[in-house]
Each structure stands twice: as structure tokens, then as C-alpha cells.
Protein backbone atom coordinates (compact mmCIF):
# COMPACT_ATOMS: atom_id res chain seq x y z
CA MET A 1 84.80 59.91 105.58
CA ASP A 2 82.08 58.70 107.94
CA GLN A 3 79.09 61.29 107.22
CA ALA A 4 77.44 60.35 109.80
CA HIS A 5 80.01 60.69 112.72
CA PHE A 6 80.48 64.48 110.75
CA THR A 7 77.08 65.20 110.47
CA HIS A 8 77.09 64.53 114.06
CA LEU A 9 79.84 67.08 114.54
CA PHE A 10 78.21 69.40 112.63
CA ARG A 11 75.01 69.04 114.61
CA LEU A 12 77.30 69.54 118.28
CA TYR A 13 79.24 72.95 116.62
CA ILE A 14 76.26 74.62 115.40
CA SER A 15 74.51 74.37 118.69
CA GLY A 16 77.29 75.43 120.40
CA LYS A 17 77.25 72.04 122.71
CA CYS A 18 80.98 70.88 121.30
CA THR A 19 84.00 69.89 123.09
CA PRO A 20 86.74 71.72 122.45
CA GLU A 21 88.17 68.28 121.00
CA GLU A 22 85.18 67.75 119.05
CA ARG A 23 85.40 71.22 117.55
CA ASN A 24 89.19 70.64 116.71
CA GLU A 25 87.92 67.12 114.96
CA PHE A 26 84.93 69.13 112.90
CA PHE A 27 87.69 71.27 111.63
CA ASP A 28 90.64 68.92 111.09
CA LEU A 29 87.32 66.81 108.48
CA LEU A 30 86.55 69.97 107.15
CA ASP A 31 90.15 71.05 106.17
CA ALA A 32 91.02 66.77 105.00
CA ASN A 33 87.72 66.75 102.50
CA LYS A 34 87.72 70.29 101.21
CA GLU A 35 88.02 68.55 97.85
CA ASN A 36 85.82 65.64 98.39
CA ASP A 37 82.47 65.79 96.25
CA LEU A 38 80.44 63.49 98.83
CA MET A 39 81.68 66.06 101.72
CA ILE A 40 80.65 69.06 99.22
CA SER A 41 77.10 67.40 98.69
CA LEU A 42 76.31 66.43 102.59
CA LEU A 43 78.13 70.38 103.44
CA ASP A 44 75.48 71.22 100.97
CA ARG A 45 72.38 69.27 102.72
CA LEU A 46 73.63 69.91 105.73
CA TYR A 47 73.35 74.10 105.53
CA SER A 48 69.52 72.97 103.06
CA GLU A 49 68.72 71.63 106.40
CA ILE A 50 69.65 74.22 108.57
CA ARG A 51 68.41 77.33 106.60
CA GLN A 52 64.78 75.41 107.16
CA GLU A 53 64.96 75.02 110.39
CA THR A 54 66.28 78.40 111.80
CA PRO A 55 64.78 81.49 110.41
CA SER A 56 68.23 83.53 110.97
CA ALA A 57 69.55 87.45 110.53
CA THR A 58 73.01 86.41 109.67
CA TYR A 59 73.13 82.89 107.19
CA VAL A 60 75.90 81.35 105.86
CA ASN A 61 75.19 79.40 102.66
CA ASN A 62 77.59 76.35 101.07
CA ARG A 63 79.45 78.61 99.25
CA GLY A 64 80.93 80.73 102.09
CA GLU A 65 78.40 83.65 100.74
CA ILE A 66 76.25 85.59 103.35
CA ASP A 67 72.35 85.36 103.31
CA LEU A 68 71.08 88.55 104.82
CA ALA A 69 67.50 88.42 105.49
CA VAL A 70 67.07 92.12 106.42
CA ARG A 71 64.00 93.64 107.83
CA PRO A 72 60.79 93.62 105.38
CA ALA A 73 61.28 97.16 104.22
CA ALA A 74 64.62 96.38 102.72
CA THR A 75 65.66 93.77 100.26
CA ALA A 76 67.38 91.03 100.68
CA LYS A 77 70.85 90.48 99.87
CA LEU A 78 73.16 87.98 98.98
CA ILE A 79 76.98 89.29 99.34
CA PRO A 80 80.23 86.49 98.38
CA PHE A 81 82.85 86.57 100.83
CA TYR A 82 86.17 87.81 99.65
CA ARG A 83 84.75 87.88 95.51
CA GLN A 84 87.86 87.34 94.64
CA ARG A 85 88.70 84.02 95.34
CA ASN A 86 87.15 81.53 92.64
CA THR A 87 84.83 78.78 93.30
CA VAL A 88 87.15 76.24 93.92
CA ARG A 89 88.20 77.69 96.85
CA TRP A 90 84.74 78.02 98.50
CA MET A 91 85.18 75.00 100.98
CA ALA A 92 88.05 77.18 102.96
CA ALA A 93 85.33 80.30 102.92
CA ALA A 94 82.52 78.06 104.25
CA SER A 95 84.87 76.41 106.85
CA PHE A 96 86.52 80.42 107.40
CA LEU A 97 83.29 81.61 107.91
CA LEU A 98 81.27 78.58 110.44
CA LEU A 99 83.98 79.01 112.42
CA LEU A 100 82.64 82.75 113.23
CA GLY A 101 80.01 81.15 115.64
CA ALA A 102 77.63 79.72 113.53
CA GLY A 103 75.78 78.83 116.48
CA ALA A 104 75.06 81.91 117.69
CA TRP A 105 74.10 82.83 114.37
CA MET A 106 71.28 80.10 113.38
CA TYR A 107 70.41 79.97 116.86
CA ALA A 108 69.96 83.72 118.61
CA THR A 109 66.91 82.50 119.69
CA ARG A 110 66.60 79.71 121.40
CA ARG A 111 69.92 80.84 123.28
CA SER A 112 70.69 83.57 125.78
CA PRO A 113 74.47 85.35 124.97
CA ALA A 114 77.40 83.86 127.18
CA PRO A 115 78.35 86.32 129.87
CA LEU A 116 81.24 88.48 129.41
CA ALA A 117 84.39 88.67 131.60
CA ALA A 118 84.16 91.46 134.15
CA THR A 119 86.62 93.91 133.03
CA VAL A 120 84.51 94.29 129.19
CA GLN A 121 81.86 95.26 131.37
CA GLU A 122 81.85 98.79 131.27
CA LYS A 123 79.68 101.20 128.97
CA HIS A 124 81.17 104.21 127.26
CA THR A 125 78.51 105.09 125.19
CA PRO A 126 78.92 108.10 122.93
CA ALA A 127 75.52 110.73 123.05
CA LEU A 128 76.22 111.49 119.34
CA ILE A 129 75.30 108.38 117.97
CA ALA A 130 71.34 107.09 118.25
CA ALA A 131 71.57 103.77 117.30
CA THR A 132 69.00 101.81 117.05
CA THR A 133 70.19 98.36 116.27
CA SER A 134 72.56 97.06 118.94
CA ILE A 135 74.54 93.49 117.82
CA ARG A 136 76.68 92.24 120.83
CA THR A 137 78.79 88.69 120.67
CA GLY A 138 79.24 86.89 124.51
CA ASN A 139 83.09 84.97 125.14
CA ARG A 140 84.41 83.06 122.55
CA GLU A 141 81.29 83.97 120.19
CA ARG A 142 82.00 85.24 116.57
CA LYS A 143 79.54 87.18 114.44
CA VAL A 144 79.25 87.96 110.78
CA LEU A 145 76.72 90.99 109.85
CA VAL A 146 75.82 93.08 106.66
CA LEU A 147 74.97 96.57 107.15
CA PRO A 148 71.93 97.95 105.08
CA ASP A 149 74.45 99.79 103.09
CA SER A 150 76.66 96.24 102.73
CA THR A 151 79.15 97.04 104.88
CA ARG A 152 80.46 93.80 106.47
CA ILE A 153 81.78 93.67 110.06
CA VAL A 154 82.91 90.43 111.81
CA LEU A 155 83.02 91.20 115.32
CA ASN A 156 84.71 89.41 117.47
CA SER A 157 84.20 87.90 121.26
CA GLY A 158 83.01 89.88 124.19
CA SER A 159 81.96 92.86 121.97
CA GLU A 160 79.59 95.09 120.52
CA VAL A 161 78.38 97.15 117.25
CA ARG A 162 75.83 99.79 117.60
CA TYR A 163 74.23 101.40 114.51
CA PRO A 164 71.11 103.22 112.81
CA ASP A 165 68.07 101.03 111.07
CA GLN A 166 68.94 104.35 108.04
CA PHE A 167 72.02 105.61 107.21
CA ASN A 168 72.13 109.60 107.04
CA PRO A 169 72.86 110.48 103.36
CA GLN A 170 75.56 112.66 103.88
CA ARG A 171 77.87 110.48 106.60
CA ARG A 172 77.63 106.62 108.02
CA GLU A 173 78.79 106.47 111.83
CA ILE A 174 78.35 103.24 114.31
CA PHE A 175 79.70 102.79 117.11
CA LEU A 176 81.93 99.82 118.32
CA GLU A 177 83.30 98.52 121.75
CA GLY A 178 85.72 95.53 121.57
CA GLU A 179 87.37 94.59 118.36
CA ALA A 180 85.81 93.82 114.79
CA PHE A 181 87.18 93.41 111.10
CA PHE A 182 85.47 96.01 108.64
CA GLU A 183 84.88 95.90 104.43
CA VAL A 184 83.62 99.17 103.68
CA SER A 185 82.14 99.83 100.65
CA ASN A 186 81.37 103.30 98.68
CA ALA A 187 83.47 104.80 101.53
CA ALA A 188 85.12 107.60 99.46
CA ALA A 189 81.65 108.90 98.32
CA TRP A 190 79.80 108.40 101.31
CA PRO A 191 82.43 108.94 104.54
CA PHE A 192 81.76 106.06 107.51
CA VAL A 193 82.79 106.81 110.98
CA ILE A 194 83.16 104.49 113.82
CA HIS A 195 83.07 105.54 117.35
CA SER A 196 85.44 103.42 120.05
CA ALA A 197 85.74 103.97 123.76
CA GLY A 198 88.34 106.13 124.84
CA GLY A 199 87.16 109.12 122.02
CA MET A 200 88.47 107.17 119.47
CA THR A 201 87.07 107.90 115.97
CA THR A 202 88.50 106.10 112.90
CA THR A 203 87.09 107.62 109.59
CA VAL A 204 86.94 105.25 106.86
CA LEU A 205 89.45 106.45 103.33
CA GLY A 206 89.39 102.75 102.24
CA THR A 207 87.82 99.17 102.11
CA SER A 208 89.09 97.07 105.05
CA PHE A 209 90.64 97.19 108.28
CA ASN A 210 90.60 96.16 111.33
CA ILE A 211 90.20 98.25 115.17
CA LYS A 212 90.33 96.40 118.59
CA ALA A 213 89.28 99.45 121.25
CA TYR A 214 87.79 97.16 124.09
CA PRO A 215 86.71 98.88 127.20
CA GLY A 216 89.63 98.56 129.77
CA ARG A 217 92.49 98.24 127.73
CA SER A 218 95.51 100.33 128.24
CA GLN A 219 96.13 100.57 124.21
CA ALA A 220 93.76 100.47 121.23
CA ILE A 221 94.76 99.04 117.93
CA VAL A 222 93.56 99.55 114.63
CA SER A 223 95.43 97.97 111.26
CA VAL A 224 94.90 98.10 108.13
CA VAL A 225 94.50 95.68 105.16
CA THR A 226 93.21 97.31 102.46
CA GLY A 227 92.88 101.79 101.36
CA LYS A 228 93.21 103.96 104.14
CA VAL A 229 92.04 105.18 107.71
CA LYS A 230 91.93 108.19 109.18
CA ILE A 231 92.12 108.43 113.17
CA SER A 232 91.23 110.82 115.22
CA LYS A 233 90.66 111.43 119.37
CA ASP A 234 88.89 113.88 121.21
CA LYS A 235 88.41 115.47 117.90
CA LYS A 236 92.20 115.96 117.40
CA ASP A 237 93.28 113.30 114.11
CA ILE A 238 96.69 111.92 115.46
CA SER A 239 97.03 109.34 112.45
CA THR A 240 96.72 108.57 108.99
CA LEU A 241 97.23 104.74 107.82
CA ILE A 242 97.36 103.26 104.46
CA LYS A 243 97.33 99.38 103.73
CA GLY A 244 99.79 97.49 105.77
CA GLN A 245 100.73 100.12 108.71
CA GLU A 246 99.01 98.89 112.08
CA MET A 247 98.43 102.27 114.65
CA HIS A 248 98.85 101.68 118.38
CA LEU A 249 97.10 104.59 121.06
CA THR A 250 98.16 104.86 124.52
CA MET A 251 94.34 105.92 125.96
CA LEU A 252 95.98 107.93 129.09
CA THR A 253 98.61 109.19 127.45
CA GLY A 254 97.41 109.70 123.78
CA GLU A 255 100.80 108.54 122.81
CA VAL A 256 100.42 107.21 119.34
CA THR A 257 102.78 104.35 117.84
CA GLN A 258 102.91 103.67 113.83
CA ARG A 259 104.50 100.80 112.33
CA ASN A 260 104.26 98.53 109.46
CA THR A 261 103.17 95.25 109.59
CA SER A 262 104.26 93.34 106.90
CA GLY A 263 103.94 89.63 107.28
CA ILE A 264 101.47 90.38 110.43
CA ASN A 265 97.77 88.86 109.90
CA ALA A 266 95.60 91.87 111.56
CA ALA A 267 92.77 90.36 111.71
CA GLY A 268 93.78 86.14 112.13
CA TRP A 269 91.12 86.04 115.80
CA GLN A 270 89.03 85.60 112.40
CA THR A 271 90.21 82.30 112.22
CA GLY A 272 89.97 81.78 115.83
CA ASP A 273 93.50 81.77 116.69
CA ILE A 274 94.89 85.00 118.90
CA SER A 275 97.71 86.91 118.29
CA PHE A 276 99.15 89.88 119.99
CA ASN A 277 101.98 92.32 118.82
CA ASP A 278 103.74 94.29 120.83
CA GLU A 279 100.84 95.45 123.52
CA PRO A 280 100.81 95.34 127.29
CA LEU A 281 100.75 92.41 129.30
CA ALA A 282 97.63 93.88 131.55
CA ASP A 283 95.86 93.87 127.61
CA ILE A 284 96.70 90.54 126.32
CA LEU A 285 95.62 89.23 129.51
CA LYS A 286 91.91 91.05 129.69
CA ASP A 287 91.94 89.36 125.72
CA LEU A 288 92.35 85.95 127.03
CA GLN A 289 89.41 86.45 129.59
CA ILE A 290 87.41 86.83 127.01
CA PHE A 291 88.91 84.52 124.40
CA TYR A 292 88.52 81.49 126.73
CA GLY A 293 85.83 82.65 129.39
CA ILE A 294 87.86 82.41 132.31
CA ASN A 295 89.27 85.34 135.05
CA ILE A 296 92.94 85.86 134.40
CA LYS A 297 93.98 89.12 137.16
CA ILE A 298 97.65 90.63 137.06
CA ASN A 299 99.03 90.49 140.44
CA ASN A 300 102.25 92.77 139.62
CA PRO A 301 101.64 96.47 138.78
CA GLY A 302 105.30 96.01 137.43
CA LEU A 303 104.22 93.74 134.60
CA ALA A 304 101.51 95.32 133.39
CA ASN A 305 103.16 97.84 130.75
CA LEU A 306 105.41 95.21 129.58
CA LEU A 307 105.17 94.54 125.70
CA ILE A 308 104.62 91.13 124.78
CA THR A 309 104.69 89.58 120.84
CA THR A 310 102.97 86.14 120.63
CA GLY A 311 100.03 83.95 119.74
CA PHE A 312 98.25 80.73 119.82
CA LYS A 313 96.21 78.20 117.67
CA LYS A 314 92.28 78.18 118.79
CA ASN A 315 93.31 74.55 120.80
CA THR A 316 95.80 75.54 122.71
CA SER A 317 94.47 75.62 126.28
CA VAL A 318 94.44 78.13 129.19
CA ASP A 319 97.21 76.81 130.59
CA SER A 320 100.10 76.40 127.99
CA ALA A 321 98.93 80.28 127.01
CA LEU A 322 99.61 81.31 130.25
CA ASP A 323 103.11 79.11 129.96
CA ILE A 324 103.94 80.77 126.94
CA ILE A 325 103.15 84.17 128.61
CA CYS A 326 104.98 83.74 132.20
CA GLU A 327 108.34 82.52 130.58
CA LEU A 328 108.49 85.58 127.70
CA ALA A 329 106.99 87.88 130.91
CA ASN A 330 109.65 86.14 133.82
CA ALA A 331 106.18 85.60 135.74
CA LYS A 332 104.54 83.10 137.28
CA TYR A 333 100.61 82.27 137.51
CA ALA A 334 98.25 80.15 139.78
CA ARG A 335 95.43 79.17 140.04
CA ASN A 336 92.24 79.82 142.07
CA GLN A 337 88.66 79.93 143.27
CA ASP A 338 88.46 82.74 140.77
CA GLY A 339 89.79 81.89 137.63
CA TYR A 340 94.30 82.61 137.32
CA VAL A 341 96.65 84.77 138.78
CA VAL A 342 99.71 85.70 137.32
CA TYR A 343 102.46 87.60 139.25
């Protein structure tokens, strides 16, 4: 392995300046050398240099652990990513976490957020939450954050989470706009509630789950990986999910569809890929706008509610993705000065 070349790719990636080809080469090198002692030593040095150069609210060290530099009034935490994994596999966790927008965490004070796609700029802020901290991601940006109660959140592109500096002793409440994966601690003893667009509320009765609730989408989706959650809309209970179950809520009609998700990775987006499970074409195109950071419009209302199941690897081009989607939908697409149009 050429250490100088890898160091160059590492620096490009965390600064957000690498091309898609350089990003793919970087992760291919990580995967190919994950058992290499030289790679481990090099990463150890690079992480140490980054830590010294740039203060960060959230930092991931070379063992794939999240080191939270919280406010002076709080105590800094070192929280291992997926405690059940042994140390031999730290490299997989490190590469996974590095994919989640390392440049965004480590250079937050130097870079302004990427502009959001037009379809996700709407605001739906419930008055009942008086959050004092807001974390937002731009297109193709992901962040990992750890709340003061040790709840871990992976925030997907084009999303925002708001939470209070101090949680209520009886009930923890936050607001999510977009998509995030949650790992919540002490859910049984200390209720954790997530409010999202369209009046949907998710009450945590277990530990890890995924919520997709972007403004402007026709569906909101909740998927449970472990534990149990209860979902309500406009203060009315509509579903309770356990491990391996997923709920699709049609926002306009209130229709609820619940299914088992065995074999489906509910939060595969965390590795940089993107997948859809029986989702309307209009929603899929809105998600692709965020994923690729480009406008994609649908010009055929008859296609908007067509349900499609598909997925793409992180290095798939927008044209290749649209080729597949249009073949499934029996549609066509064209490029114009604003981006793409599907018809």
C-alpha cells in the first residue's frame, strides 16, 4: 500500500474535496487493508493529527469510538460504536463511521452547510418543543451525534434534529425533520419521544430504529431494528412495532401499512448506499434529489404513486439510477438546465 497516496486520499475525503472516484478508491483501500498493521498504524497517526488540528463537537477515533466534546458543564463521553463488536473488527466500524460525513464534523467551523434540495426546505416546527440545539445536514452529508443522555443519532442527508440542552426528568422529547437512525438508552425508565413532520410522533419502547419523515414526502416510514416503538399521529395511536417490523404512513389519508422487514436493511443509507422498499416514485425522486444534490422533477402525475422497490450503491451515477427507476416505472427521463425531469 502506498501510504503517501492513502494519506492524500484521507485528507481529500475529510475536507470534502475528493471526487466520487477518489472517494471510492479511498474506501476500497480501507476495506482491502483492514487487517494490515501498517494501515492500522497509519490511521492511528492520521486520526491523532486531525484531532489536534481541529476541535469538533463529535469526533470518531481510530477504534470507531465516538468521542463527544460536550459543553464545559457536562462530562466528555467516550462511547463505543456497537459495543457487541470485538476489537478485531474495529476497522469496519471506523470505515463505516468515516463515511458518515467526517469532513462535516471535523471541519464544521470552516465550511458552511451544502444547500438543500428545494423540496426539503419547508419548515414544520411544532410549538410544543422548545429546543435550543439544532443540527442540520446538507445534501450528501451525514452526521453522528450523541445527546447529553447518551442517545446516539446518525442523521441522514437533508435532515435536521432539534433537542433541548437539558431533558425533562420525566420525558425526553426531540424534533426530527428528515431521516435518522436512533440508538436510545434507558427507554423503559425514561420515555423518549420523537416528533416529526405531519404530526407523527414516535415513542421509544426499545433501543434502535430508523425514521424517515422528510417534509413533502407522501409517506413517513418507521423501521425497528431492536426493541419496540409506538407511533401516533395527531395524538392518536396508529401502530406499535417490534424488532424486524416496518410501518408506512400515508400522510394525506392516514393509511397505515405494516410489514415484516426480514432481510431488508432498514438503515443501509448509513454506509452510503440508498434503498427503497415499496415507496412511491414521487418520494423516491425527492430522496434522490438529496442523495445526488440535484433537482429531479416528475412531469407525469400518473406515475407519482407508483410503488417501487430498488436500491443503489454509493458510487451509482444519477443517470444509472434514473435508468433503473424509469425501466421499473415504464417511464423516461431527460436532462434540462435545472436538473432532470421524469415523464
